[in-house]
Amino acid sequence: MFLKNPISISLRSSLVEEMVSKALLKTFNKKLKIAMSRKSETVERVAKESSSVAPNEPSTMEENANHAANNKDGAPA
């Protein structure tokens, strides 16, 4: 096996490390963008679904708050 100048080997090694780091960073950023867009789509979908509920229908949180207010003595429902 023929060894070249150790300095050039070290430089090549650091260049390879830098290239790998950049590639990993690109991959991570792509996956992050995909995840963020999916999260955004989910948030939008849930918002649409919750806005489609009739305004006169109490939400579960409202029902729980009303139940707690009506049941102040702490007795089970």
PDB file of N, CA and C in Angstrom:
ATOM      1  N   MET A   1       0.841  -1.174   0.000  1.00  0.00           N
ATOM      2  CA  MET A   1       0.000   0.000   0.000  1.00  0.00           C
ATOM      3  C   MET A   1       0.886   1.237   0.000  1.00  0.00           C
ATOM      4  N   PHE A   2       0.568   2.154  -0.846  1.00  0.00           N
ATOM      5  CA  PHE A   2       1.377   3.353  -1.009  1.00  0.00           C
ATOM      6  C   PHE A   2       0.743   4.500  -0.229  1.00  0.00           C
ATOM      7  N   LEU A   3       1.490   5.056   0.750  1.00  0.00           N
ATOM      8  CA  LEU A   3       0.988   6.172   1.551  1.00  0.00           C
ATOM      9  C   LEU A   3       1.474   7.486   0.977  1.00  0.00           C
ATOM     10  N   LYS A   4       0.559   8.404   0.865  1.00  0.00           N
ATOM     11  CA  LYS A   4       0.927   9.740   0.414  1.00  0.00           C
ATOM     12  C   LYS A   4       1.256  10.592   1.635  1.00  0.00           C
ATOM     13  N   ASN A   5       1.500  11.818   1.391  1.00  0.00           N
ATOM     14  CA  ASN A   5       1.805  12.762   2.448  1.00  0.00           C
ATOM     15  C   ASN A   5       0.694  12.741   3.497  1.00  0.00           C
ATOM     16  N   PRO A   6       1.014  12.528   4.790  1.00  0.00           N
ATOM     17  CA  PRO A   6      -0.022  12.453   5.836  1.00  0.00           C
ATOM     18  C   PRO A   6      -0.876  13.723   5.927  1.00  0.00           C
ATOM     19  N   ILE A   7      -0.308  14.858   5.570  1.00  0.00           N
ATOM     20  CA  ILE A   7      -1.068  16.106   5.618  1.00  0.00           C
ATOM     21  C   ILE A   7      -2.174  16.080   4.571  1.00  0.00           C
ATOM     22  N   SER A   8      -1.870  15.615   3.360  1.00  0.00           N
ATOM     23  CA  SER A   8      -2.899  15.565   2.327  1.00  0.00           C
ATOM     24  C   SER A   8      -3.976  14.543   2.676  1.00  0.00           C
ATOM     25  N   ILE A   9      -3.581  13.451   3.320  1.00  0.00           N
ATOM     26  CA  ILE A   9      -4.563  12.451   3.759  1.00  0.00           C
ATOM     27  C   ILE A   9      -5.483  13.072   4.808  1.00  0.00           C
ATOM     28  N   SER A  10      -4.901  13.821   5.714  1.00  0.00           N
ATOM     29  CA  SER A  10      -5.689  14.476   6.751  1.00  0.00           C
ATOM     30  C   SER A  10      -6.650  15.494   6.142  1.00  0.00           C
ATOM     31  N   LEU A  11      -6.178  16.248   5.152  1.00  0.00           N
ATOM     32  CA  LEU A  11      -7.032  17.224   4.483  1.00  0.00           C
ATOM     33  C   LEU A  11      -8.189  16.543   3.770  1.00  0.00           C
ATOM     34  N   ARG A  12      -7.865  15.448   3.067  1.00  0.00           N
ATOM     35  CA  ARG A  12      -8.926  14.713   2.376  1.00  0.00           C
ATOM     36  C   ARG A  12      -9.936  14.163   3.368  1.00  0.00           C
ATOM     37  N   SER A  13      -9.429  13.664   4.480  1.00  0.00           N
ATOM     38  CA  SER A  13     -10.311  13.119   5.507  1.00  0.00           C
ATOM     39  C   SER A  13     -11.254  14.204   6.034  1.00  0.00           C
ATOM     40  N   SER A  14     -10.724  15.389   6.290  1.00  0.00           N
ATOM     41  CA  SER A  14     -11.594  16.457   6.796  1.00  0.00           C
ATOM     42  C   SER A  14     -12.573  16.924   5.728  1.00  0.00           C
ATOM     43  N   LEU A  15     -12.161  16.882   4.451  1.00  0.00           N
ATOM     44  CA  LEU A  15     -13.086  17.233   3.370  1.00  0.00           C
ATOM     45  C   LEU A  15     -14.227  16.224   3.289  1.00  0.00           C
ATOM     46  N   VAL A  16     -13.878  14.948   3.442  1.00  0.00           N
ATOM     47  CA  VAL A  16     -14.911  13.909   3.418  1.00  0.00           C
ATOM     48  C   VAL A  16     -15.863  14.106   4.598  1.00  0.00           C
ATOM     49  N   GLU A  17     -15.309  14.394   5.771  1.00  0.00           N
ATOM     50  CA  GLU A  17     -16.161  14.657   6.941  1.00  0.00           C
ATOM     51  C   GLU A  17     -17.109  15.808   6.683  1.00  0.00           C
ATOM     52  N   GLU A  18     -16.587  16.872   6.077  1.00  0.00           N
ATOM     53  CA  GLU A  18     -17.416  18.047   5.785  1.00  0.00           C
ATOM     54  C   GLU A  18     -18.508  17.702   4.778  1.00  0.00           C
ATOM     55  N   MET A  19     -18.171  16.930   3.766  1.00  0.00           N
ATOM     56  CA  MET A  19     -19.164  16.549   2.758  1.00  0.00           C
ATOM     57  C   MET A  19     -20.261  15.688   3.389  1.00  0.00           C
ATOM     58  N   VAL A  20     -19.863  14.747   4.241  1.00  0.00           N
ATOM     59  CA  VAL A  20     -20.838  13.890   4.904  1.00  0.00           C
ATOM     60  C   VAL A  20     -21.730  14.721   5.821  1.00  0.00           C
ATOM     61  N   SER A  21     -21.127  15.649   6.545  1.00  0.00           N
ATOM     62  CA  SER A  21     -21.912  16.514   7.439  1.00  0.00           C
ATOM     63  C   SER A  21     -22.936  17.320   6.651  1.00  0.00           C
ATOM     64  N   LYS A  22     -22.507  17.871   5.525  1.00  0.00           N
ATOM     65  CA  LYS A  22     -23.433  18.662   4.702  1.00  0.00           C
ATOM     66  C   LYS A  22     -24.564  17.787   4.169  1.00  0.00           C
ATOM     67  N   ALA A  23     -24.227  16.578   3.746  1.00  0.00           N
ATOM     68  CA  ALA A  23     -25.249  15.676   3.216  1.00  0.00           C
ATOM     69  C   ALA A  23     -26.251  15.310   4.310  1.00  0.00           C
ATOM     70  N   LEU A  24     -25.742  15.027   5.507  1.00  0.00           N
ATOM     71  CA  LEU A  24     -26.638  14.695   6.616  1.00  0.00           C
ATOM     72  C   LEU A  24     -27.514  15.881   6.987  1.00  0.00           C
ATOM     73  N   LEU A  25     -26.945  17.064   6.971  1.00  0.00           N
ATOM     74  CA  LEU A  25     -27.712  18.263   7.282  1.00  0.00           C
ATOM     75  C   LEU A  25     -28.809  18.493   6.243  1.00  0.00           C
ATOM     76  N   LYS A  26     -28.489  18.282   4.970  1.00  0.00           N
ATOM     77  CA  LYS A  26     -29.508  18.426   3.917  1.00  0.00           C
ATOM     78  C   LYS A  26     -30.646  17.440   4.131  1.00  0.00           C
ATOM     79  N   THR A  27     -30.289  16.195   4.406  1.00  0.00           N
ATOM     80  CA  THR A  27     -31.294  15.158   4.628  1.00  0.00           C
ATOM     81  C   THR A  27     -32.167  15.513   5.826  1.00  0.00           C
ATOM     82  N   PHE A  28     -31.530  15.954   6.902  1.00  0.00           N
ATOM     83  CA  PHE A  28     -32.276  16.337   8.098  1.00  0.00           C
ATOM     84  C   PHE A  28     -33.229  17.487   7.785  1.00  0.00           C
ATOM     85  N   ASN A  29     -32.740  18.484   7.068  1.00  0.00           N
ATOM     86  CA  ASN A  29     -33.590  19.641   6.742  1.00  0.00           C
ATOM     87  C   ASN A  29     -34.774  19.234   5.873  1.00  0.00           C
ATOM     88  N   LYS A  30     -34.546  18.324   4.917  1.00  0.00           N
ATOM     89  CA  LYS A  30     -35.655  17.857   4.081  1.00  0.00           C
ATOM     90  C   LYS A  30     -36.701  17.150   4.925  1.00  0.00           C
ATOM     91  N   LYS A  31     -36.232  16.257   5.815  1.00  0.00           N
ATOM     92  CA  LYS A  31     -37.166  15.521   6.658  1.00  0.00           C
ATOM     93  C   LYS A  31     -37.898  16.454   7.609  1.00  0.00           C
ATOM     94  N   LEU A  32     -37.201  17.465   8.101  1.00  0.00           N
ATOM     95  CA  LEU A  32     -37.825  18.431   8.989  1.00  0.00           C
ATOM     96  C   LEU A  32     -38.910  19.223   8.261  1.00  0.00           C
ATOM     97  N   LYS A  33     -38.627  19.633   7.025  1.00  0.00           N
ATOM     98  CA  LYS A  33     -39.621  20.372   6.240  1.00  0.00           C
ATOM     99  C   LYS A  33     -40.856  19.514   5.998  1.00  0.00           C
ATOM    100  N   ILE A  34     -40.639  18.235   5.676  1.00  0.00           N
ATOM    101  CA  ILE A  34     -41.766  17.322   5.441  1.00  0.00           C
ATOM    102  C   ILE A  34     -42.588  17.177   6.715  1.00  0.00           C
ATOM    103  N   ALA A  35     -41.907  16.991   7.848  1.00  0.00           N
ATOM    104  CA  ALA A  35     -42.622  16.835   9.116  1.00  0.00           C
ATOM    105  C   ALA A  35     -43.398  18.096   9.467  1.00  0.00           C
ATOM    106  N   MET A  36     -42.805  19.249   9.241  1.00  0.00           N
ATOM    107  CA  MET A  36     -43.481  20.507   9.558  1.00  0.00           C
ATOM    108  C   MET A  36     -44.700  20.709   8.651  1.00  0.00           C
ATOM    109  N   SER A  37     -44.583  20.341   7.380  1.00  0.00           N
ATOM    110  CA  SER A  37     -45.724  20.504   6.483  1.00  0.00           C
ATOM    111  C   SER A  37     -46.843  19.543   6.870  1.00  0.00           C
ATOM    112  N   ARG A  38     -46.482  18.332   7.287  1.00  0.00           N
ATOM    113  CA  ARG A  38     -47.508  17.383   7.737  1.00  0.00           C
ATOM    114  C   ARG A  38     -48.191  17.899   8.990  1.00  0.00           C
ATOM    115  N   LYS A  39     -47.403  18.459   9.908  1.00  0.00           N
ATOM    116  CA  LYS A  39     -47.975  19.003  11.137  1.00  0.00           C
ATOM    117  C   LYS A  39     -48.914  20.148  10.791  1.00  0.00           C
ATOM    118  N   SER A  40     -48.495  20.992   9.870  1.00  0.00           N
ATOM    119  CA  SER A  40     -49.310  22.122   9.449  1.00  0.00           C
ATOM    120  C   SER A  40     -50.619  21.638   8.839  1.00  0.00           C
ATOM    121  N   GLU A  41     -50.530  20.613   7.991  1.00  0.00           N
ATOM    122  CA  GLU A  41     -51.735  20.060   7.374  1.00  0.00           C
ATOM    123  C   GLU A  41     -52.667  19.484   8.431  1.00  0.00           C
ATOM    124  N   THR A  42     -52.101  18.813   9.426  1.00  0.00           N
ATOM    125  CA  THR A  42     -52.910  18.225  10.493  1.00  0.00           C
ATOM    126  C   THR A  42     -53.598  19.316  11.297  1.00  0.00           C
ATOM    127  N   VAL A  43     -52.852  20.373  11.621  1.00  0.00           N
ATOM    128  CA  VAL A  43     -53.435  21.480  12.383  1.00  0.00           C
ATOM    129  C   VAL A  43     -54.572  22.116  11.596  1.00  0.00           C
ATOM    130  N   GLU A  44     -54.366  22.322  10.298  1.00  0.00           N
ATOM    131  CA  GLU A  44     -55.413  22.919   9.461  1.00  0.00           C
ATOM    132  C   GLU A  44     -56.636  22.011   9.386  1.00  0.00           C
ATOM    133  N   ARG A  45     -56.396  20.706   9.245  1.00  0.00           N
ATOM    134  CA  ARG A  45     -57.507  19.753   9.153  1.00  0.00           C
ATOM    135  C   ARG A  45     -58.303  19.744  10.445  1.00  0.00           C
ATOM    136  N   VAL A  46     -57.624  19.715  11.581  1.00  0.00           N
ATOM    137  CA  VAL A  46     -58.311  19.707  12.873  1.00  0.00           C
ATOM    138  C   VAL A  46     -59.083  21.011  13.068  1.00  0.00           C
ATOM    139  N   ALA A  47     -58.487  22.114  12.649  1.00  0.00           N
ATOM    140  CA  ALA A  47     -59.177  23.404  12.780  1.00  0.00           C
ATOM    141  C   ALA A  47     -60.454  23.412  11.941  1.00  0.00           C
ATOM    142  N   LYS A  48     -60.380  22.868  10.733  1.00  0.00           N
ATOM    143  CA  LYS A  48     -61.569  22.814   9.878  1.00  0.00           C
ATOM    144  C   LYS A  48     -62.631  21.921  10.492  1.00  0.00           C
ATOM    145  N   GLU A  49     -62.183  20.754  11.018  1.00  0.00           N
ATOM    146  CA  GLU A  49     -63.134  19.830  11.618  1.00  0.00           C
ATOM    147  C   GLU A  49     -63.786  20.438  12.848  1.00  0.00           C
ATOM    148  N   SER A  50     -63.011  21.135  13.660  1.00  0.00           N
ATOM    149  CA  SER A  50     -63.584  21.712  14.872  1.00  0.00           C
ATOM    150  C   SER A  50     -64.470  22.905  14.548  1.00  0.00           C
ATOM    151  N   SER A  51     -64.183  23.607  13.458  1.00  0.00           N
ATOM    152  CA  SER A  51     -65.040  24.732  13.096  1.00  0.00           C
ATOM    153  C   SER A  51     -66.338  24.249  12.463  1.00  0.00           C
ATOM    154  N   SER A  52     -66.362  22.981  12.025  1.00  0.00           N
ATOM    155  CA  SER A  52     -67.590  22.455  11.428  1.00  0.00           C
ATOM    156  C   SER A  52     -68.588  22.012  12.495  1.00  0.00           C
ATOM    157  N   VAL A  53     -68.167  21.986  13.768  1.00  0.00           N
ATOM    158  CA  VAL A  53     -69.081  21.637  14.859  1.00  0.00           C
ATOM    159  C   VAL A  53     -70.045  22.799  15.042  1.00  0.00           C
ATOM    160  N   ALA A  54     -71.310  22.477  15.239  1.00  0.00           N
ATOM    161  CA  ALA A  54     -72.319  23.525  15.409  1.00  0.00           C
ATOM    162  C   ALA A  54     -71.966  24.383  16.620  1.00  0.00           C
ATOM    163  N   PRO A  55     -72.105  25.698  16.516  1.00  0.00           N
ATOM    164  CA  PRO A  55     -71.712  26.574  17.618  1.00  0.00           C
ATOM    165  C   PRO A  55     -72.554  26.394  18.882  1.00  0.00           C
ATOM    166  N   ASN A  56     -73.759  25.863  18.758  1.00  0.00           N
ATOM    167  CA  ASN A  56     -74.610  25.669  19.926  1.00  0.00           C
ATOM    168  C   ASN A  56     -74.263  24.402  20.698  1.00  0.00           C
ATOM    169  N   GLU A  57     -73.475  23.521  20.087  1.00  0.00           N
ATOM    170  CA  GLU A  57     -73.088  22.297  20.768  1.00  0.00           C
ATOM    171  C   GLU A  57     -71.917  22.594  21.700  1.00  0.00           C
ATOM    172  N   PRO A  58     -72.040  22.277  22.981  1.00  0.00           N
ATOM    173  CA  PRO A  58     -70.912  22.544  23.882  1.00  0.00           C
ATOM    174  C   PRO A  58     -69.760  21.568  23.600  1.00  0.00           C
ATOM    175  N   SER A  59     -68.572  22.076  23.713  1.00  0.00           N
ATOM    176  CA  SER A  59     -67.418  21.202  23.523  1.00  0.00           C
ATOM    177  C   SER A  59     -67.230  20.375  24.778  1.00  0.00           C
ATOM    178  N   THR A  60     -66.368  19.387  24.695  1.00  0.00           N
ATOM    179  CA  THR A  60     -66.113  18.531  25.849  1.00  0.00           C
ATOM    180  C   THR A  60     -65.553  19.359  26.997  1.00  0.00           C
ATOM    181  N   MET A  61     -64.675  20.318  26.686  1.00  0.00           N
ATOM    182  CA  MET A  61     -64.114  21.159  27.737  1.00  0.00           C
ATOM    183  C   MET A  61     -65.207  21.967  28.422  1.00  0.00           C
ATOM    184  N   GLU A  62     -66.128  22.511  27.628  1.00  0.00           N
ATOM    185  CA  GLU A  62     -67.231  23.279  28.212  1.00  0.00           C
ATOM    186  C   GLU A  62     -68.112  22.382  29.072  1.00  0.00           C
ATOM    187  N   GLU A  63     -68.365  21.163  28.596  1.00  0.00           N
ATOM    188  CA  GLU A  63     -69.182  20.226  29.363  1.00  0.00           C
ATOM    189  C   GLU A  63     -68.502  19.902  30.687  1.00  0.00           C
ATOM    190  N   ASN A  64     -67.186  19.670  30.650  1.00  0.00           N
ATOM    191  CA  ASN A  64     -66.453  19.361  31.875  1.00  0.00           C
ATOM    192  C   ASN A  64     -66.475  20.548  32.839  1.00  0.00           C
ATOM    193  N   ALA A  65     -66.309  21.754  32.306  1.00  0.00           N
ATOM    194  CA  ALA A  65     -66.332  22.953  33.159  1.00  0.00           C
ATOM    195  C   ALA A  65     -67.706  23.124  33.786  1.00  0.00           C
ATOM    196  N   ASN A  66     -68.759  22.928  33.005  1.00  0.00           N
ATOM    197  CA  ASN A  66     -70.116  23.049  33.532  1.00  0.00           C
ATOM    198  C   ASN A  66     -70.390  21.997  34.593  1.00  0.00           C
ATOM    199  N   HIS A  67     -69.937  20.783  34.336  1.00  0.00           N
ATOM    200  CA  HIS A  67     -70.135  19.703  35.293  1.00  0.00           C
ATOM    201  C   HIS A  67     -69.402  20.018  36.598  1.00  0.00           C
ATOM    202  N   ALA A  68     -68.161  20.518  36.484  1.00  0.00           N
ATOM    203  CA  ALA A  68     -67.386  20.854  37.681  1.00  0.00           C
ATOM    204  C   ALA A  68     -68.055  21.988  38.455  1.00  0.00           C
ATOM    205  N   ALA A  69     -68.597  22.967  37.742  1.00  0.00           N
ATOM    206  CA  ALA A  69     -69.255  24.097  38.403  1.00  0.00           C
ATOM    207  C   ALA A  69     -70.532  23.639  39.100  1.00  0.00           C
ATOM    208  N   ASN A  70     -71.257  22.714  38.501  1.00  0.00           N
ATOM    209  CA  ASN A  70     -72.510  22.224  39.080  1.00  0.00           C
ATOM    210  C   ASN A  70     -72.264  21.223  40.201  1.00  0.00           C
ATOM    211  N   ASN A  71     -71.072  20.654  40.245  1.00  0.00           N
ATOM    212  CA  ASN A  71     -70.767  19.596  41.198  1.00  0.00           C
ATOM    213  C   ASN A  71     -69.628  20.060  42.114  1.00  0.00           C
ATOM    214  N   LYS A  72     -69.822  21.182  42.785  1.00  0.00           N
ATOM    215  CA  LYS A  72     -68.768  21.783  43.604  1.00  0.00           C
ATOM    216  C   LYS A  72     -68.479  20.998  44.874  1.00  0.00           C
ATOM    217  N   ASP A  73     -69.408  20.181  45.321  1.00  0.00           N
ATOM    218  CA  ASP A  73     -69.192  19.462  46.583  1.00  0.00           C
ATOM    219  C   ASP A  73     -68.201  18.314  46.438  1.00  0.00           C
ATOM    220  N   GLY A  74     -67.777  18.009  45.230  1.00  0.00           N
ATOM    221  CA  GLY A  74     -66.767  16.977  45.005  1.00  0.00           C
ATOM    222  C   GLY A  74     -67.325  15.580  44.930  1.00  0.00           C
ATOM    223  N   ALA A  75     -68.627  15.420  44.972  1.00  0.00           N
ATOM    224  CA  ALA A  75     -69.223  14.096  44.863  1.00  0.00           C
ATOM    225  C   ALA A  75     -69.052  13.570  43.463  1.00  0.00           C
ATOM    226  N   PRO A  76     -68.819  12.269  43.318  1.00  0.00           N
ATOM    227  CA  PRO A  76     -68.661  11.710  41.962  1.00  0.00           C
ATOM    228  C   PRO A  76     -69.940  11.851  41.157  1.00  0.00           C
ATOM    229  N   ALA A  77     -69.769  11.896  39.862  1.00  0.00           N
ATOM    230  CA  ALA A  77     -70.925  12.096  38.971  1.00  0.00           C
ATOM    231  C   ALA A  77     -71.792  10.876  38.903  1.00  0.00           C
TER     232      ALA A  77
END
